C-alpha cells in the first residue's frame, strides 16, 4: 500500500509517496509547469517512513547536502529507468546536455527520447533531471516549470 507525506521547504511544498521499500514519487508544488499530482484517498499518510528523505531534502534546499542516500523505487519503462540512472550520475553543481545523456545510455540519436524520459521522472531533485540542459546551454523543458529548474540550478550554482 502506498503512503505519503507533505512538507514545506524554502522553495515549495513537497509531496513524497512510497512504501517501506522506497520512494516512488516526489512532487514539487511549484505553481508552474505542466505536472499535476493528486494524493489518492486510498493512500495512508505516514510522516515517519519519510523522515530520512525529508531531512535530506531540507538539507539539500539549505545548500548542505549534495547527495541523497534514500531508497528509490520509481515505476517506468526500462529505457526510462536507464535514463534516470544516468541522471543520477550527474554530479551536484554540474549539468549535461540531452545529447550527453543519450550517449551515456548507449543511444546517441535519442536526445528527444531522453527529453521525454526526463519529463516522466517521478522523483525530481533526488533523480536530478533539472541538471539536463540544451546543447546550446539554454534551459529546455522541466515538468515543474523553467523557473523551478532555474531555482534548483542556482541553488547548486550549476549555471
C-alpha atoms as a PDB file:
ATOM      1  CA  UNK A   1       0.000   0.000   0.000  1.00  0.00           C
ATOM      2  CA  UNK A   2       1.268   3.449  -0.878  1.00  0.00           C
ATOM      3  CA  UNK A   3       1.911   6.012   1.807  1.00  0.00           C
ATOM      4  CA  UNK A   4       2.596   9.724   1.559  1.00  0.00           C
ATOM      5  CA  UNK A   5       3.698  12.811   3.400  1.00  0.00           C
ATOM      6  CA  UNK A   6       3.762  16.511   2.642  1.00  0.00           C
ATOM      7  CA  UNK A   7       6.067  19.213   3.942  1.00  0.00           C
ATOM      8  CA  UNK A   8       7.239  22.705   3.156  1.00  0.00           C
ATOM      9  CA  UNK A   9      10.742  23.601   2.033  1.00  0.00           C
ATOM     10  CA  UNK A  10      12.259  27.058   1.483  1.00  0.00           C
ATOM     11  CA  UNK A  11      11.488  26.555  -2.228  1.00  0.00           C
ATOM     12  CA  UNK A  12       7.993  24.989  -2.288  1.00  0.00           C
ATOM     13  CA  UNK A  13       5.803  22.285  -0.814  1.00  0.00           C
ATOM     14  CA  UNK A  14       6.907  18.687  -1.418  1.00  0.00           C
ATOM     15  CA  UNK A  15       4.747  15.566  -1.621  1.00  0.00           C
ATOM     16  CA  UNK A  16       6.533  12.231  -1.163  1.00  0.00           C
ATOM     17  CA  UNK A  17       4.886   8.906  -2.000  1.00  0.00           C
ATOM     18  CA  UNK A  18       6.226   5.403  -1.492  1.00  0.00           C
ATOM     19  CA  UNK A  19       6.341   2.254   0.558  1.00  0.00           C
ATOM     20  CA  UNK A  20       8.673   0.780   3.150  1.00  0.00           C
ATOM     21  CA  UNK A  21      10.799  -0.281   0.150  1.00  0.00           C
ATOM     22  CA  UNK A  22      11.415   3.245  -1.141  1.00  0.00           C
ATOM     23  CA  UNK A  23      10.132   6.451  -2.671  1.00  0.00           C
ATOM     24  CA  UNK A  24       8.035   6.111  -5.820  1.00  0.00           C
ATOM     25  CA  UNK A  25       7.177   9.781  -6.351  1.00  0.00           C
ATOM     26  CA  UNK A  26       8.325  13.234  -5.340  1.00  0.00           C
ATOM     27  CA  UNK A  27       6.141  16.107  -6.418  1.00  0.00           C
ATOM     28  CA  UNK A  28       7.151  19.733  -6.129  1.00  0.00           C
ATOM     29  CA  UNK A  29       4.152  22.036  -5.754  1.00  0.00           C
ATOM     30  CA  UNK A  30       5.709  24.942  -7.656  1.00  0.00           C
ATOM     31  CA  UNK A  31       2.544  26.509  -9.000  1.00  0.00           C
ATOM     32  CA  UNK A  32       4.017  26.379 -12.511  1.00  0.00           C
ATOM     33  CA  UNK A  33       4.770  23.731 -15.082  1.00  0.00           C
ATOM     34  CA  UNK A  34       2.534  21.086 -16.523  1.00  0.00           C
ATOM     35  CA  UNK A  35       2.698  18.374 -13.913  1.00  0.00           C
ATOM     36  CA  UNK A  36      -0.300  17.888 -11.676  1.00  0.00           C
ATOM     37  CA  UNK A  37      -0.339  15.499  -8.774  1.00  0.00           C
ATOM     38  CA  UNK A  38      -3.283  14.310  -6.723  1.00  0.00           C
ATOM     39  CA  UNK A  39      -2.998  12.429  -3.457  1.00  0.00           C
ATOM     40  CA  UNK A  40      -5.066   9.270  -3.814  1.00  0.00           C
ATOM     41  CA  UNK A  41      -7.560   8.859  -0.955  1.00  0.00           C
ATOM     42  CA  UNK A  42      -6.532   5.189  -0.742  1.00  0.00           C
ATOM     43  CA  UNK A  43      -3.012   6.197   0.336  1.00  0.00           C
ATOM     44  CA  UNK A  44      -2.129   6.398   4.011  1.00  0.00           C
ATOM     45  CA  UNK A  45      -0.467   9.477   5.467  1.00  0.00           C
ATOM     46  CA  UNK A  46       2.756   8.409   7.161  1.00  0.00           C
ATOM     47  CA  UNK A  47       5.322  11.042   8.050  1.00  0.00           C
ATOM     48  CA  UNK A  48       7.636   8.619   9.855  1.00  0.00           C
ATOM     49  CA  UNK A  49       8.754   6.452   6.921  1.00  0.00           C
ATOM     50  CA  UNK A  50       9.769   9.590   5.034  1.00  0.00           C
ATOM     51  CA  UNK A  51      11.762  11.197   7.880  1.00  0.00           C
ATOM     52  CA  UNK A  52      15.157  10.436   6.314  1.00  0.00           C
ATOM     53  CA  UNK A  53      14.100  11.696   2.881  1.00  0.00           C
ATOM     54  CA  UNK A  54      12.516  14.830   4.345  1.00  0.00           C
ATOM     55  CA  UNK A  55      15.670  15.619   6.322  1.00  0.00           C
ATOM     56  CA  UNK A  56      17.867  15.114   3.261  1.00  0.00           C
ATOM     57  CA  UNK A  57      15.638  17.253   1.016  1.00  0.00           C
ATOM     58  CA  UNK A  58      15.627  20.070   3.584  1.00  0.00           C
ATOM     59  CA  UNK A  59      19.422  19.817   3.859  1.00  0.00           C
ATOM     60  CA  UNK A  60      19.656  19.991   0.059  1.00  0.00           C
ATOM     61  CA  UNK A  61      17.404  23.084  -0.026  1.00  0.00           C
ATOM     62  CA  UNK A  62      19.656  24.707   2.595  1.00  0.00           C
ATOM     63  CA  UNK A  63      22.743  24.022   0.452  1.00  0.00           C
ATOM     64  CA  UNK A  64      24.116  21.496   2.951  1.00  0.00           C
ATOM     65  CA  UNK A  65      23.592  18.236   1.005  1.00  0.00           C
ATOM     66  CA  UNK A  66      24.863  17.209  -2.408  1.00  0.00           C
ATOM     67  CA  UNK A  67      23.936  13.507  -2.495  1.00  0.00           C
ATOM     68  CA  UNK A  68      20.911  11.534  -1.366  1.00  0.00           C
ATOM     69  CA  UNK A  69      21.010   8.170   0.379  1.00  0.00           C
ATOM     70  CA  UNK A  70      17.368   7.143   0.322  1.00  0.00           C
ATOM     71  CA  UNK A  71      15.838   4.110  -1.339  1.00  0.00           C
ATOM     72  CA  UNK A  72      14.022   4.776  -4.593  1.00  0.00           C
ATOM     73  CA  UNK A  73      11.507   2.552  -6.369  1.00  0.00           C
ATOM     74  CA  UNK A  74      10.343   4.542  -9.403  1.00  0.00           C
ATOM     75  CA  UNK A  75       7.943   2.989 -11.874  1.00  0.00           C
ATOM     76  CA  UNK A  76       8.756   3.311 -15.561  1.00  0.00           C
ATOM     77  CA  UNK A  77       9.939   1.517 -18.666  1.00  0.00           C
ATOM     78  CA  UNK A  78      13.416   0.012 -18.810  1.00  0.00           C
ATOM     79  CA  UNK A  79      14.529   2.863 -21.074  1.00  0.00           C
ATOM     80  CA  UNK A  80      13.185   5.456 -18.627  1.00  0.00           C
ATOM     81  CA  UNK A  81      14.955   3.741 -15.744  1.00  0.00           C
ATOM     82  CA  UNK A  82      18.214   3.705 -17.732  1.00  0.00           C
ATOM     83  CA  UNK A  83      17.847   7.440 -18.333  1.00  0.00           C
ATOM     84  CA  UNK A  84      17.016   8.114 -14.664  1.00  0.00           C
ATOM     85  CA  UNK A  85      20.094   6.117 -13.635  1.00  0.00           C
ATOM     86  CA  UNK A  86      22.218   8.222 -15.996  1.00  0.00           C
ATOM     87  CA  UNK A  87      20.724  11.393 -14.481  1.00  0.00           C
ATOM     88  CA  UNK A  88      21.731  10.183 -11.037  1.00  0.00           C
ATOM     89  CA  UNK A  89      25.349  10.107 -12.243  1.00  0.00           C
ATOM     90  CA  UNK A  90      25.380  13.861 -12.950  1.00  0.00           C
ATOM     91  CA  UNK A  91      27.333  15.418 -10.076  1.00  0.00           C
ATOM     92  CA  UNK A  92      25.861  18.168  -7.932  1.00  0.00           C
ATOM     93  CA  UNK A  93      26.594  21.561  -9.408  1.00  0.00           C
ATOM     94  CA  UNK A  94      27.112  20.264 -12.940  1.00  0.00           C
ATOM     95  CA  UNK A  95      24.894  19.999 -15.986  1.00  0.00           C
ATOM     96  CA  UNK A  96      24.748  17.709 -19.001  1.00  0.00           C
ATOM     97  CA  UNK A  97      23.037  18.054 -22.357  1.00  0.00           C
ATOM     98  CA  UNK A  98      20.282  15.772 -23.572  1.00  0.00           C
ATOM     99  CA  UNK A  99      22.773  14.533 -26.182  1.00  0.00           C
ATOM    100  CA  UNK A 100      25.325  13.638 -23.481  1.00  0.00           C
ATOM    101  CA  UNK A 101      22.680  11.624 -21.619  1.00  0.00           C
ATOM    102  CA  UNK A 102      21.704   9.895 -24.890  1.00  0.00           C
ATOM    103  CA  UNK A 103      25.333   8.891 -25.372  1.00  0.00           C
ATOM    104  CA  UNK A 104      25.546   7.729 -21.734  1.00  0.00           C
ATOM    105  CA  UNK A 105      22.602   5.343 -22.234  1.00  0.00           C
ATOM    106  CA  UNK A 106      24.111   3.999 -25.465  1.00  0.00           C
ATOM    107  CA  UNK A 107      21.798   5.679 -27.957  1.00  0.00           C
ATOM    108  CA  UNK A 108      23.437   8.875 -29.262  1.00  0.00           C
ATOM    109  CA  UNK A 109      20.465   9.724 -31.507  1.00  0.00           C
ATOM    110  CA  UNK A 110      17.887   9.589 -28.705  1.00  0.00           C
ATOM    111  CA  UNK A 111      18.003  13.181 -27.447  1.00  0.00           C
ATOM    112  CA  UNK A 112      14.242  13.637 -27.851  1.00  0.00           C
ATOM    113  CA  UNK A 113      13.534  10.333 -26.135  1.00  0.00           C
ATOM    114  CA  UNK A 114      15.809  11.466 -23.305  1.00  0.00           C
ATOM    115  CA  UNK A 115      13.698  14.604 -23.002  1.00  0.00           C
ATOM    116  CA  UNK A 116      10.532  12.516 -22.798  1.00  0.00           C
ATOM    117  CA  UNK A 117      12.048  10.237 -20.143  1.00  0.00           C
ATOM    118  CA  UNK A 118      13.141  13.331 -18.203  1.00  0.00           C
ATOM    119  CA  UNK A 119       9.599  14.688 -18.308  1.00  0.00           C
ATOM    120  CA  UNK A 120       8.329  11.414 -16.821  1.00  0.00           C
ATOM    121  CA  UNK A 121      10.885  11.344 -13.985  1.00  0.00           C
ATOM    122  CA  UNK A 122       8.737  10.635 -10.908  1.00  0.00           C
ATOM    123  CA  UNK A 123      11.428  11.627  -8.382  1.00  0.00           C
ATOM    124  CA  UNK A 124      12.876  15.021  -9.365  1.00  0.00           C
ATOM    125  CA  UNK A 125      15.528  16.648  -7.190  1.00  0.00           C
ATOM    126  CA  UNK A 126      16.740  13.244  -5.945  1.00  0.00           C
ATOM    127  CA  UNK A 127      16.932  11.988  -9.550  1.00  0.00           C
ATOM    128  CA  UNK A 128      18.282  15.287 -10.867  1.00  0.00           C
ATOM    129  CA  UNK A 129      16.537  15.827 -14.208  1.00  0.00           C
ATOM    130  CA  UNK A 130      16.933  19.564 -13.597  1.00  0.00           C
ATOM    131  CA  UNK A 131      20.644  19.146 -14.396  1.00  0.00           C
ATOM    132  CA  UNK A 132      19.910  18.436 -18.076  1.00  0.00           C
ATOM    133  CA  UNK A 133      20.010  21.402 -20.443  1.00  0.00           C
ATOM    134  CA  UNK A 134      20.110  22.008 -24.187  1.00  0.00           C
ATOM    135  CA  UNK A 135      23.336  21.540 -26.163  1.00  0.00           C
ATOM    136  CA  UNK A 136      23.359  25.313 -26.630  1.00  0.00           C
ATOM    137  CA  UNK A 137      23.486  25.808 -22.837  1.00  0.00           C
ATOM    138  CA  UNK A 138      19.887  27.012 -22.604  1.00  0.00           C
ATOM    139  CA  UNK A 139      17.294  25.722 -20.176  1.00  0.00           C
ATOM    140  CA  UNK A 140      14.905  23.493 -22.044  1.00  0.00           C
ATOM    141  CA  UNK A 141      11.832  21.904 -20.544  1.00  0.00           C
ATOM    142  CA  UNK A 142      11.025  20.994 -16.987  1.00  0.00           C
ATOM    143  CA  UNK A 143       7.713  19.453 -15.977  1.00  0.00           C
ATOM    144  CA  UNK A 144       7.601  21.676 -12.888  1.00  0.00           C
ATOM    145  CA  UNK A 145       8.338  24.878 -14.828  1.00  0.00           C
ATOM    146  CA  UNK A 146      11.537  26.536 -16.011  1.00  0.00           C
ATOM    147  CA  UNK A 147      11.514  28.877 -13.005  1.00  0.00           C
ATOM    148  CA  UNK A 148      11.759  25.841 -10.712  1.00  0.00           C
ATOM    149  CA  UNK A 149      14.578  24.398 -12.830  1.00  0.00           C
ATOM    150  CA  UNK A 150      16.440  27.700 -12.603  1.00  0.00           C
ATOM    151  CA  UNK A 151      15.986  27.810  -8.802  1.00  0.00           C
ATOM    152  CA  UNK A 152      17.448  24.318  -8.424  1.00  0.00           C
ATOM    153  CA  UNK A 153      20.397  25.070 -10.711  1.00  0.00           C
ATOM    154  CA  UNK A 154      21.035  28.379  -8.934  1.00  0.00           C
ATOM    155  CA  UNK A 155      20.922  26.566  -5.588  1.00  0.00           C
ATOM    156  CA  UNK A 156      23.618  24.219  -6.873  1.00  0.00           C
ATOM    157  CA  UNK A 157      25.466  27.085  -8.547  1.00  0.00           C
ATOM    158  CA  UNK A 158      25.415  24.978 -11.702  1.00  0.00           C
ATOM    159  CA  UNK A 159      24.776  27.929 -14.011  1.00  0.00           C
END
